[in-house]
C-alpha atoms as a PDB file:
ATOM      1  CA  MET A   1      15.935  -3.711 -62.941  1.00  0.00           C
ATOM      2  CA  ARG A   2      18.060  -5.578 -60.255  1.00  0.00           C
ATOM      3  CA  ILE A   3      17.693  -4.288 -56.380  1.00  0.00           C
ATOM      4  CA  PRO A   4      20.562  -3.392 -54.758  1.00  0.00           C
ATOM      5  CA  PRO A   5      20.859  -6.190 -51.400  1.00  0.00           C
ATOM      6  CA  ARG A   6      20.473  -3.213 -48.927  1.00  0.00           C
ATOM      7  CA  PHE A   7      16.453  -2.793 -49.759  1.00  0.00           C
ATOM      8  CA  THR A   8      16.255  -6.459 -49.072  1.00  0.00           C
ATOM      9  CA  LEU A   9      17.258  -5.804 -45.590  1.00  0.00           C
ATOM     10  CA  LEU A  10      15.184  -2.608 -45.123  1.00  0.00           C
ATOM     11  CA  GLY A  11      12.222  -4.612 -46.476  1.00  0.00           C
ATOM     12  CA  GLY A  12      13.182  -7.627 -43.325  1.00  0.00           C
ATOM     13  CA  ALA A  13      13.731  -4.684 -40.929  1.00  0.00           C
ATOM     14  CA  VAL A  14      10.511  -2.584 -41.833  1.00  0.00           C
ATOM     15  CA  ALA A  15       8.874  -6.279 -41.536  1.00  0.00           C
ATOM     16  CA  LEU A  16      10.193  -6.791 -38.148  1.00  0.00           C
ATOM     17  CA  LEU A  17       8.973  -3.372 -36.684  1.00  0.00           C
ATOM     18  CA  SER A  18       5.962  -3.940 -38.279  1.00  0.00           C
ATOM     19  CA  THR A  19       5.566  -6.853 -35.752  1.00  0.00           C
ATOM     20  CA  LEU A  20       6.593  -5.782 -33.064  1.00  0.00           C
ATOM     21  CA  PHE A  21       4.626  -2.424 -32.767  1.00  0.00           C
ATOM     22  CA  ALA A  22       1.647  -3.122 -34.738  1.00  0.00           C
ATOM     23  CA  GLY A  23       1.354  -6.665 -34.818  1.00  0.00           C
ATOM     24  CA  PRO A  24       1.481  -8.895 -37.249  1.00  0.00           C
ATOM     25  CA  ALA A  25       2.945  -7.759 -40.909  1.00  0.00           C
ATOM     26  CA  THR A  26       0.528  -8.436 -42.929  1.00  0.00           C
ATOM     27  CA  ALA A  27      -0.073  -5.366 -43.813  1.00  0.00           C
ATOM     28  CA  VAL A  28       3.540  -5.248 -45.099  1.00  0.00           C
ATOM     29  CA  PRO A  29       4.266  -6.908 -48.443  1.00  0.00           C
ATOM     30  CA  ALA A  30       7.232  -9.161 -48.010  1.00  0.00           C
ATOM     31  CA  VAL A  31      10.306  -8.011 -50.111  1.00  0.00           C
ATOM     32  CA  PRO A  32      11.629 -10.864 -52.177  1.00  0.00           C
ATOM     33  CA  ALA A  33      15.356 -11.949 -51.047  1.00  0.00           C
ATOM     34  CA  VAL A  34      17.719 -10.886 -53.796  1.00  0.00           C
ATOM     35  CA  SER A  35      21.197 -12.079 -54.120  1.00  0.00           C
ATOM     36  CA  ALA A  36      24.193  -9.588 -54.321  1.00  0.00           C
ATOM     37  CA  ALA A  37      25.958 -11.845 -56.352  1.00  0.00           C
ATOM     38  CA  PRO A  38      25.359 -12.617 -60.040  1.00  0.00           C
ATOM     39  CA  ALA A  39      23.583 -14.958 -61.545  1.00  0.00           C
ATOM     40  CA  ALA A  40      25.293 -18.425 -61.838  1.00  0.00           C
ATOM     41  CA  ILE A  41      27.121 -19.058 -65.412  1.00  0.00           C
ATOM     42  CA  THR A  42      25.680 -22.550 -66.660  1.00  0.00           C
ATOM     43  CA  ALA A  43      27.457 -24.944 -68.360  1.00  0.00           C
ATOM     44  CA  VAL A  44      27.213 -26.093 -71.605  1.00  0.00           C
ATOM     45  CA  GLY A  45      25.030 -28.425 -72.942  1.00  0.00           C
ATOM     46  CA  SER A  46      25.339 -30.803 -75.433  1.00  0.00           C
ATOM     47  CA  VAL A  47      22.606 -30.876 -78.563  1.00  0.00           C
ATOM     48  CA  CYS A  48      22.357 -33.648 -80.466  1.00  0.00           C
ATOM     49  CA  TYR A  49      23.074 -32.518 -84.620  1.00  0.00           C
ATOM     50  CA  SER A  50      20.084 -34.748 -85.592  1.00  0.00           C
ATOM     51  CA  ARG A  51      17.481 -32.443 -82.765  1.00  0.00           C
ATOM     52  CA  LEU A  52      18.531 -29.369 -84.208  1.00  0.00           C
ATOM     53  CA  PRO A  53      16.212 -27.217 -86.511  1.00  0.00           C
ATOM     54  CA  SER A  54      16.393 -27.747 -89.618  1.00  0.00           C
ATOM     55  CA  GLN A  55      17.357 -23.997 -90.334  1.00  0.00           C
ATOM     56  CA  ALA A  56      20.500 -24.587 -88.195  1.00  0.00           C
ATOM     57  CA  HIS A  57      21.477 -28.037 -90.812  1.00  0.00           C
ATOM     58  CA  ASP A  58      21.531 -25.050 -93.206  1.00  0.00           C
ATOM     59  CA  THR A  59      23.508 -22.736 -91.493  1.00  0.00           C
ATOM     60  CA  LEU A  60      25.933 -25.592 -90.946  1.00  0.00           C
ATOM     61  CA  ASP A  61      25.985 -26.635 -94.718  1.00  0.00           C
ATOM     62  CA  LEU A  62      26.342 -22.840 -95.186  1.00  0.00           C
ATOM     63  CA  ILE A  63      29.548 -22.850 -93.022  1.00  0.00           C
ATOM     64  CA  GLU A  64      31.349 -25.656 -94.431  1.00  0.00           C
ATOM     65  CA  ALA A  65      31.297 -24.536 -97.840  1.00  0.00           C
ATOM     66  CA  GLY A  66      32.288 -21.304 -96.830  1.00  0.00           C
ATOM     67  CA  GLY A  67      29.324 -19.153 -97.585  1.00  0.00           C
ATOM     68  CA  PRO A  68      27.726 -17.277 -98.740  1.00  0.00           C
ATOM     69  CA  TYR A  69      26.114 -15.789 -96.284  1.00  0.00           C
ATOM     70  CA  PRO A  70      22.541 -14.573 -96.135  1.00  0.00           C
ATOM     71  CA  PHE A  71      23.698 -11.794 -93.406  1.00  0.00           C
ATOM     72  CA  ARG A  72      26.604  -9.544 -93.281  1.00  0.00           C
ATOM     73  CA  GLN A  73      27.226 -10.033 -89.638  1.00  0.00           C
ATOM     74  CA  ASP A  74      27.423 -13.591 -90.406  1.00  0.00           C
ATOM     75  CA  GLY A  75      31.307 -14.828 -89.755  1.00  0.00           C
ATOM     76  CA  THR A  76      31.821 -12.036 -87.452  1.00  0.00           C
ATOM     77  CA  VAL A  77      34.038 -12.481 -84.409  1.00  0.00           C
ATOM     78  CA  PHE A  78      32.001 -13.836 -81.361  1.00  0.00           C
ATOM     79  CA  GLN A  79      33.343 -12.115 -78.054  1.00  0.00           C
ATOM     80  CA  ASN A  80      31.803 -14.818 -75.806  1.00  0.00           C
ATOM     81  CA  ARG A  81      30.971 -11.057 -73.745  1.00  0.00           C
ATOM     82  CA  GLU A  82      28.694 -13.310 -71.358  1.00  0.00           C
ATOM     83  CA  GLY A  83      31.917 -15.586 -70.296  1.00  0.00           C
ATOM     84  CA  ILE A  84      29.317 -18.786 -71.407  1.00  0.00           C
ATOM     85  CA  LEU A  85      31.569 -21.094 -73.408  1.00  0.00           C
ATOM     86  CA  PRO A  86      35.105 -21.782 -73.304  1.00  0.00           C
ATOM     87  CA  SER A  87      37.753 -18.735 -72.629  1.00  0.00           C
ATOM     88  CA  ARG A  88      39.518 -18.168 -75.465  1.00  0.00           C
ATOM     89  CA  THR A  89      41.961 -15.777 -77.371  1.00  0.00           C
ATOM     90  CA  THR A  90      39.749 -13.016 -79.164  1.00  0.00           C
ATOM     91  CA  GLY A  91      39.248 -14.296 -82.844  1.00  0.00           C
ATOM     92  CA  TYR A  92      38.795 -17.903 -81.975  1.00  0.00           C
ATOM     93  CA  TYR A  93      34.921 -17.706 -82.230  1.00  0.00           C
ATOM     94  CA  HIS A  94      32.511 -16.540 -84.890  1.00  0.00           C
ATOM     95  CA  GLU A  95      29.089 -16.504 -85.045  1.00  0.00           C
ATOM     96  CA  PHE A  96      25.956 -17.280 -87.639  1.00  0.00           C
ATOM     97  CA  THR A  97      22.413 -16.816 -88.048  1.00  0.00           C
ATOM     98  CA  VAL A  98      19.822 -19.418 -87.602  1.00  0.00           C
ATOM     99  CA  ILE A  99      17.554 -17.980 -89.674  1.00  0.00           C
ATOM    100  CA  THR A 100      14.164 -17.848 -87.726  1.00  0.00           C
ATOM    101  CA  PRO A 101      10.822 -18.390 -89.876  1.00  0.00           C
ATOM    102  CA  GLY A 102       8.630 -15.552 -90.172  1.00  0.00           C
ATOM    103  CA  SER A 103      11.010 -13.537 -88.133  1.00  0.00           C
ATOM    104  CA  THR A 104      11.529  -9.854 -89.652  1.00  0.00           C
ATOM    105  CA  THR A 105      15.036  -9.641 -88.240  1.00  0.00           C
ATOM    106  CA  ARG A 106      18.303 -12.009 -87.557  1.00  0.00           C
ATOM    107  CA  GLY A 107      15.931 -13.478 -84.805  1.00  0.00           C
ATOM    108  CA  ALA A 108      18.078 -15.214 -81.944  1.00  0.00           C
ATOM    109  CA  ARG A 109      19.189 -18.268 -82.943  1.00  0.00           C
ATOM    110  CA  ARG A 110      22.959 -18.276 -83.689  1.00  0.00           C
ATOM    111  CA  ILE A 111      25.773 -21.226 -84.339  1.00  0.00           C
ATOM    112  CA  VAL A 112      29.162 -19.567 -82.987  1.00  0.00           C
ATOM    113  CA  THR A 113      31.976 -21.845 -84.415  1.00  0.00           C
ATOM    114  CA  GLY A 114      35.316 -22.490 -82.564  1.00  0.00           C
ATOM    115  CA  ASP A 115      38.519 -22.402 -84.362  1.00  0.00           C
ATOM    116  CA  THR A 116      38.977 -26.605 -83.925  1.00  0.00           C
ATOM    117  CA  GLU A 117      37.397 -29.005 -85.964  1.00  0.00           C
ATOM    118  CA  ARG A 118      33.440 -29.644 -85.620  1.00  0.00           C
ATOM    119  CA  GLU A 119      33.348 -27.111 -82.540  1.00  0.00           C
ATOM    120  CA  ASP A 120      30.159 -25.774 -82.834  1.00  0.00           C
ATOM    121  CA  TYR A 121      27.438 -24.659 -80.759  1.00  0.00           C
ATOM    122  CA  TYR A 122      23.688 -23.281 -80.859  1.00  0.00           C
ATOM    123  CA  THR A 123      22.345 -20.674 -78.840  1.00  0.00           C
ATOM    124  CA  ALA A 124      18.432 -20.465 -79.631  1.00  0.00           C
ATOM    125  CA  ASP A 125      18.293 -17.564 -77.299  1.00  0.00           C
ATOM    126  CA  HIS A 126      20.932 -14.903 -78.206  1.00  0.00           C
ATOM    127  CA  TYR A 127      23.746 -16.347 -76.026  1.00  0.00           C
ATOM    128  CA  ALA A 128      21.906 -16.784 -72.684  1.00  0.00           C
ATOM    129  CA  SER A 129      22.376 -20.491 -72.874  1.00  0.00           C
ATOM    130  CA  PHE A 130      24.500 -22.750 -75.259  1.00  0.00           C
ATOM    131  CA  ASP A 131      24.282 -26.789 -76.753  1.00  0.00           C
ATOM    132  CA  ARG A 132      27.455 -28.102 -78.252  1.00  0.00           C
ATOM    133  CA  VAL A 133      26.483 -29.971 -80.995  1.00  0.00           C
ATOM    134  CA  ASP A 134      26.987 -33.358 -81.475  1.00  0.00           C
ATOM    135  CA  HIS A 135      27.574 -34.247 -85.250  1.00  0.00           C
ATOM    136  CA  GLY A 136      27.795 -37.887 -84.238  1.00  0.00           C
ATOM    137  CA  CYS A 137      23.995 -38.542 -83.740  1.00  0.00           C
END
């Protein structure tokens, strides 16, 4: 849960008043600073094809073959709501499941493809970060 910045200021004011009127503010716990700005979006990284998990290789092979895919959601339009991937028109990106061994659900791993040939992105954390797949290594 995000704490509005005004509570950060209030916590600092309480500590200051405590120091002025009751000595050191050891009895008042420090309130961590909270940034009012949203978390910065990190740039897309890069990952060598050979360093991907074997299940990602399987998914990329299925994409190359045109299916069949193990989940009905595979091949659906990826909206890029997180805004981490380069901005493109709706329908440019599509997502595919990378099977996670032992998981009873689709898991968090995905390959997201762009319309450009070999524009593949891998995420192991359900769209919190992406690495563009370098197929040349």
